[in-house]
C-alpha atoms as a PDB file:
ATOM      1  CA  UNK A   1     205.040 151.563 -41.558  1.00  0.00           C
ATOM      2  CA  UNK A   2     205.549 152.828 -38.660  1.00  0.00           C
ATOM      3  CA  UNK A   3     201.901 153.838 -37.775  1.00  0.00           C
ATOM      4  CA  UNK A   4     200.694 149.658 -38.615  1.00  0.00           C
ATOM      5  CA  UNK A   5     203.655 149.136 -35.891  1.00  0.00           C
ATOM      6  CA  UNK A   6     202.449 151.058 -32.745  1.00  0.00           C
ATOM      7  CA  UNK A   7     199.047 150.031 -33.982  1.00  0.00           C
ATOM      8  CA  UNK A   8     199.991 146.256 -33.042  1.00  0.00           C
ATOM      9  CA  UNK A   9     201.509 146.914 -30.116  1.00  0.00           C
ATOM     10  CA  UNK A  10     204.422 148.735 -30.747  1.00  0.00           C
ATOM     11  CA  UNK A  11     205.276 150.766 -28.355  1.00  0.00           C
ATOM     12  CA  UNK A  12     207.681 154.391 -28.605  1.00  0.00           C
ATOM     13  CA  UNK A  13     210.314 153.046 -26.621  1.00  0.00           C
ATOM     14  CA  UNK A  14     211.156 149.820 -29.233  1.00  0.00           C
ATOM     15  CA  UNK A  15     211.054 152.300 -31.551  1.00  0.00           C
ATOM     16  CA  UNK A  16     213.680 154.690 -30.465  1.00  0.00           C
ATOM     17  CA  UNK A  17     215.915 151.532 -30.021  1.00  0.00           C
ATOM     18  CA  UNK A  18     215.700 150.632 -33.396  1.00  0.00           C
ATOM     19  CA  UNK A  19     216.976 154.063 -34.491  1.00  0.00           C
ATOM     20  CA  UNK A  20     219.332 154.344 -31.499  1.00  0.00           C
ATOM     21  CA  UNK A  21     221.445 151.421 -31.709  1.00  0.00           C
ATOM     22  CA  UNK A  22     220.948 151.022 -35.568  1.00  0.00           C
ATOM     23  CA  UNK A  23     224.736 150.768 -36.640  1.00  0.00           C
ATOM     24  CA  UNK A  24     224.534 153.595 -40.015  1.00  0.00           C
ATOM     25  CA  UNK A  25     222.780 155.952 -36.767  1.00  0.00           C
ATOM     26  CA  UNK A  26     225.873 155.185 -34.637  1.00  0.00           C
ATOM     27  CA  UNK A  27     228.137 155.961 -37.175  1.00  0.00           C
ATOM     28  CA  UNK A  28     226.990 158.498 -38.230  1.00  0.00           C
ATOM     29  CA  UNK A  29     227.494 159.301 -35.008  1.00  0.00           C
ATOM     30  CA  UNK A  30     231.279 157.970 -34.685  1.00  0.00           C
ATOM     31  CA  UNK A  31     229.999 155.453 -32.275  1.00  0.00           C
ATOM     32  CA  UNK A  32     231.751 152.863 -31.637  1.00  0.00           C
ATOM     33  CA  UNK A  33     232.421 151.692 -28.372  1.00  0.00           C
ATOM     34  CA  UNK A  34     229.655 150.225 -25.808  1.00  0.00           C
ATOM     35  CA  UNK A  35     231.482 153.012 -23.688  1.00  0.00           C
ATOM     36  CA  UNK A  36     230.469 155.708 -26.623  1.00  0.00           C
ATOM     37  CA  UNK A  37     227.748 154.363 -26.884  1.00  0.00           C
ATOM     38  CA  UNK A  38     225.893 154.814 -23.077  1.00  0.00           C
ATOM     39  CA  UNK A  39     227.111 157.968 -22.732  1.00  0.00           C
ATOM     40  CA  UNK A  40     225.374 159.099 -25.742  1.00  0.00           C
ATOM     41  CA  UNK A  41     222.433 157.814 -24.801  1.00  0.00           C
ATOM     42  CA  UNK A  42     222.422 159.724 -21.683  1.00  0.00           C
ATOM     43  CA  UNK A  43     223.164 162.660 -23.131  1.00  0.00           C
ATOM     44  CA  UNK A  44     220.958 162.346 -25.902  1.00  0.00           C
ATOM     45  CA  UNK A  45     217.652 160.527 -23.460  1.00  0.00           C
ATOM     46  CA  UNK A  46     218.488 162.080 -20.293  1.00  0.00           C
ATOM     47  CA  UNK A  47     219.778 165.300 -20.858  1.00  0.00           C
ATOM     48  CA  UNK A  48     223.434 164.420 -19.180  1.00  0.00           C
ATOM     49  CA  UNK A  49     226.456 162.770 -19.326  1.00  0.00           C
ATOM     50  CA  UNK A  50     226.306 159.740 -17.029  1.00  0.00           C
ATOM     51  CA  UNK A  51     228.475 158.836 -13.741  1.00  0.00           C
ATOM     52  CA  UNK A  52     231.623 156.792 -14.995  1.00  0.00           C
ATOM     53  CA  UNK A  53     229.562 154.028 -12.195  1.00  0.00           C
ATOM     54  CA  UNK A  54     227.070 154.539 -14.870  1.00  0.00           C
ATOM     55  CA  UNK A  55     228.900 153.967 -18.178  1.00  0.00           C
ATOM     56  CA  UNK A  56     231.075 150.877 -16.449  1.00  0.00           C
ATOM     57  CA  UNK A  57     227.619 149.484 -15.560  1.00  0.00           C
ATOM     58  CA  UNK A  58     225.541 149.778 -18.785  1.00  0.00           C
ATOM     59  CA  UNK A  59     229.315 148.549 -20.604  1.00  0.00           C
ATOM     60  CA  UNK A  60     228.443 145.572 -18.528  1.00  0.00           C
ATOM     61  CA  UNK A  61     225.042 145.227 -19.764  1.00  0.00           C
ATOM     62  CA  UNK A  62     226.518 145.109 -23.570  1.00  0.00           C
ATOM     63  CA  UNK A  63     228.380 142.285 -22.989  1.00  0.00           C
ATOM     64  CA  UNK A  64     225.463 140.166 -22.509  1.00  0.00           C
ATOM     65  CA  UNK A  65     222.638 142.364 -24.520  1.00  0.00           C
ATOM     66  CA  UNK A  66     221.659 143.425 -27.438  1.00  0.00           C
ATOM     67  CA  UNK A  67     222.454 147.420 -27.539  1.00  0.00           C
ATOM     68  CA  UNK A  68     218.612 148.281 -29.084  1.00  0.00           C
ATOM     69  CA  UNK A  69     217.078 146.242 -25.691  1.00  0.00           C
ATOM     70  CA  UNK A  70     219.401 148.133 -23.291  1.00  0.00           C
ATOM     71  CA  UNK A  71     217.969 151.483 -25.007  1.00  0.00           C
ATOM     72  CA  UNK A  72     214.464 150.026 -24.100  1.00  0.00           C
ATOM     73  CA  UNK A  73     216.044 149.163 -20.246  1.00  0.00           C
ATOM     74  CA  UNK A  74     216.530 152.405 -20.391  1.00  0.00           C
ATOM     75  CA  UNK A  75     213.873 154.218 -21.577  1.00  0.00           C
ATOM     76  CA  UNK A  76     211.969 152.285 -19.767  1.00  0.00           C
ATOM     77  CA  UNK A  77     213.820 152.884 -16.228  1.00  0.00           C
ATOM     78  CA  UNK A  78     213.164 156.682 -16.689  1.00  0.00           C
ATOM     79  CA  UNK A  79     210.152 157.233 -18.519  1.00  0.00           C
ATOM     80  CA  UNK A  80     210.542 161.401 -18.566  1.00  0.00           C
ATOM     81  CA  UNK A  81     213.552 160.506 -20.864  1.00  0.00           C
ATOM     82  CA  UNK A  82     210.968 159.493 -23.706  1.00  0.00           C
ATOM     83  CA  UNK A  83     208.870 162.603 -23.802  1.00  0.00           C
ATOM     84  CA  UNK A  84     211.468 165.026 -25.146  1.00  0.00           C
ATOM     85  CA  UNK A  85     213.018 162.770 -27.287  1.00  0.00           C
ATOM     86  CA  UNK A  86     209.924 161.908 -28.733  1.00  0.00           C
ATOM     87  CA  UNK A  87     209.274 165.574 -29.002  1.00  0.00           C
ATOM     88  CA  UNK A  88     212.744 166.418 -30.458  1.00  0.00           C
ATOM     89  CA  UNK A  89     211.992 163.913 -33.067  1.00  0.00           C
END
């Protein structure tokens, strides 16, 4: 199913976003708030903790944007984040 999705033009960023924003995934890591979500993404994708400004900005964006869209935004803003994460999965 994944191969079909990718062969039809789906992007690896979209696949990662659907996993990282999945409620079951988030519950298993005890991520409830938007601030927790942003912090988790920075640690998982960028390998560092976010600055307070980045957490605040991310939480503000999530007031009007789905979590999966925010993941794609973060991945596409820093393409180097995608490669190490893909290799780990």
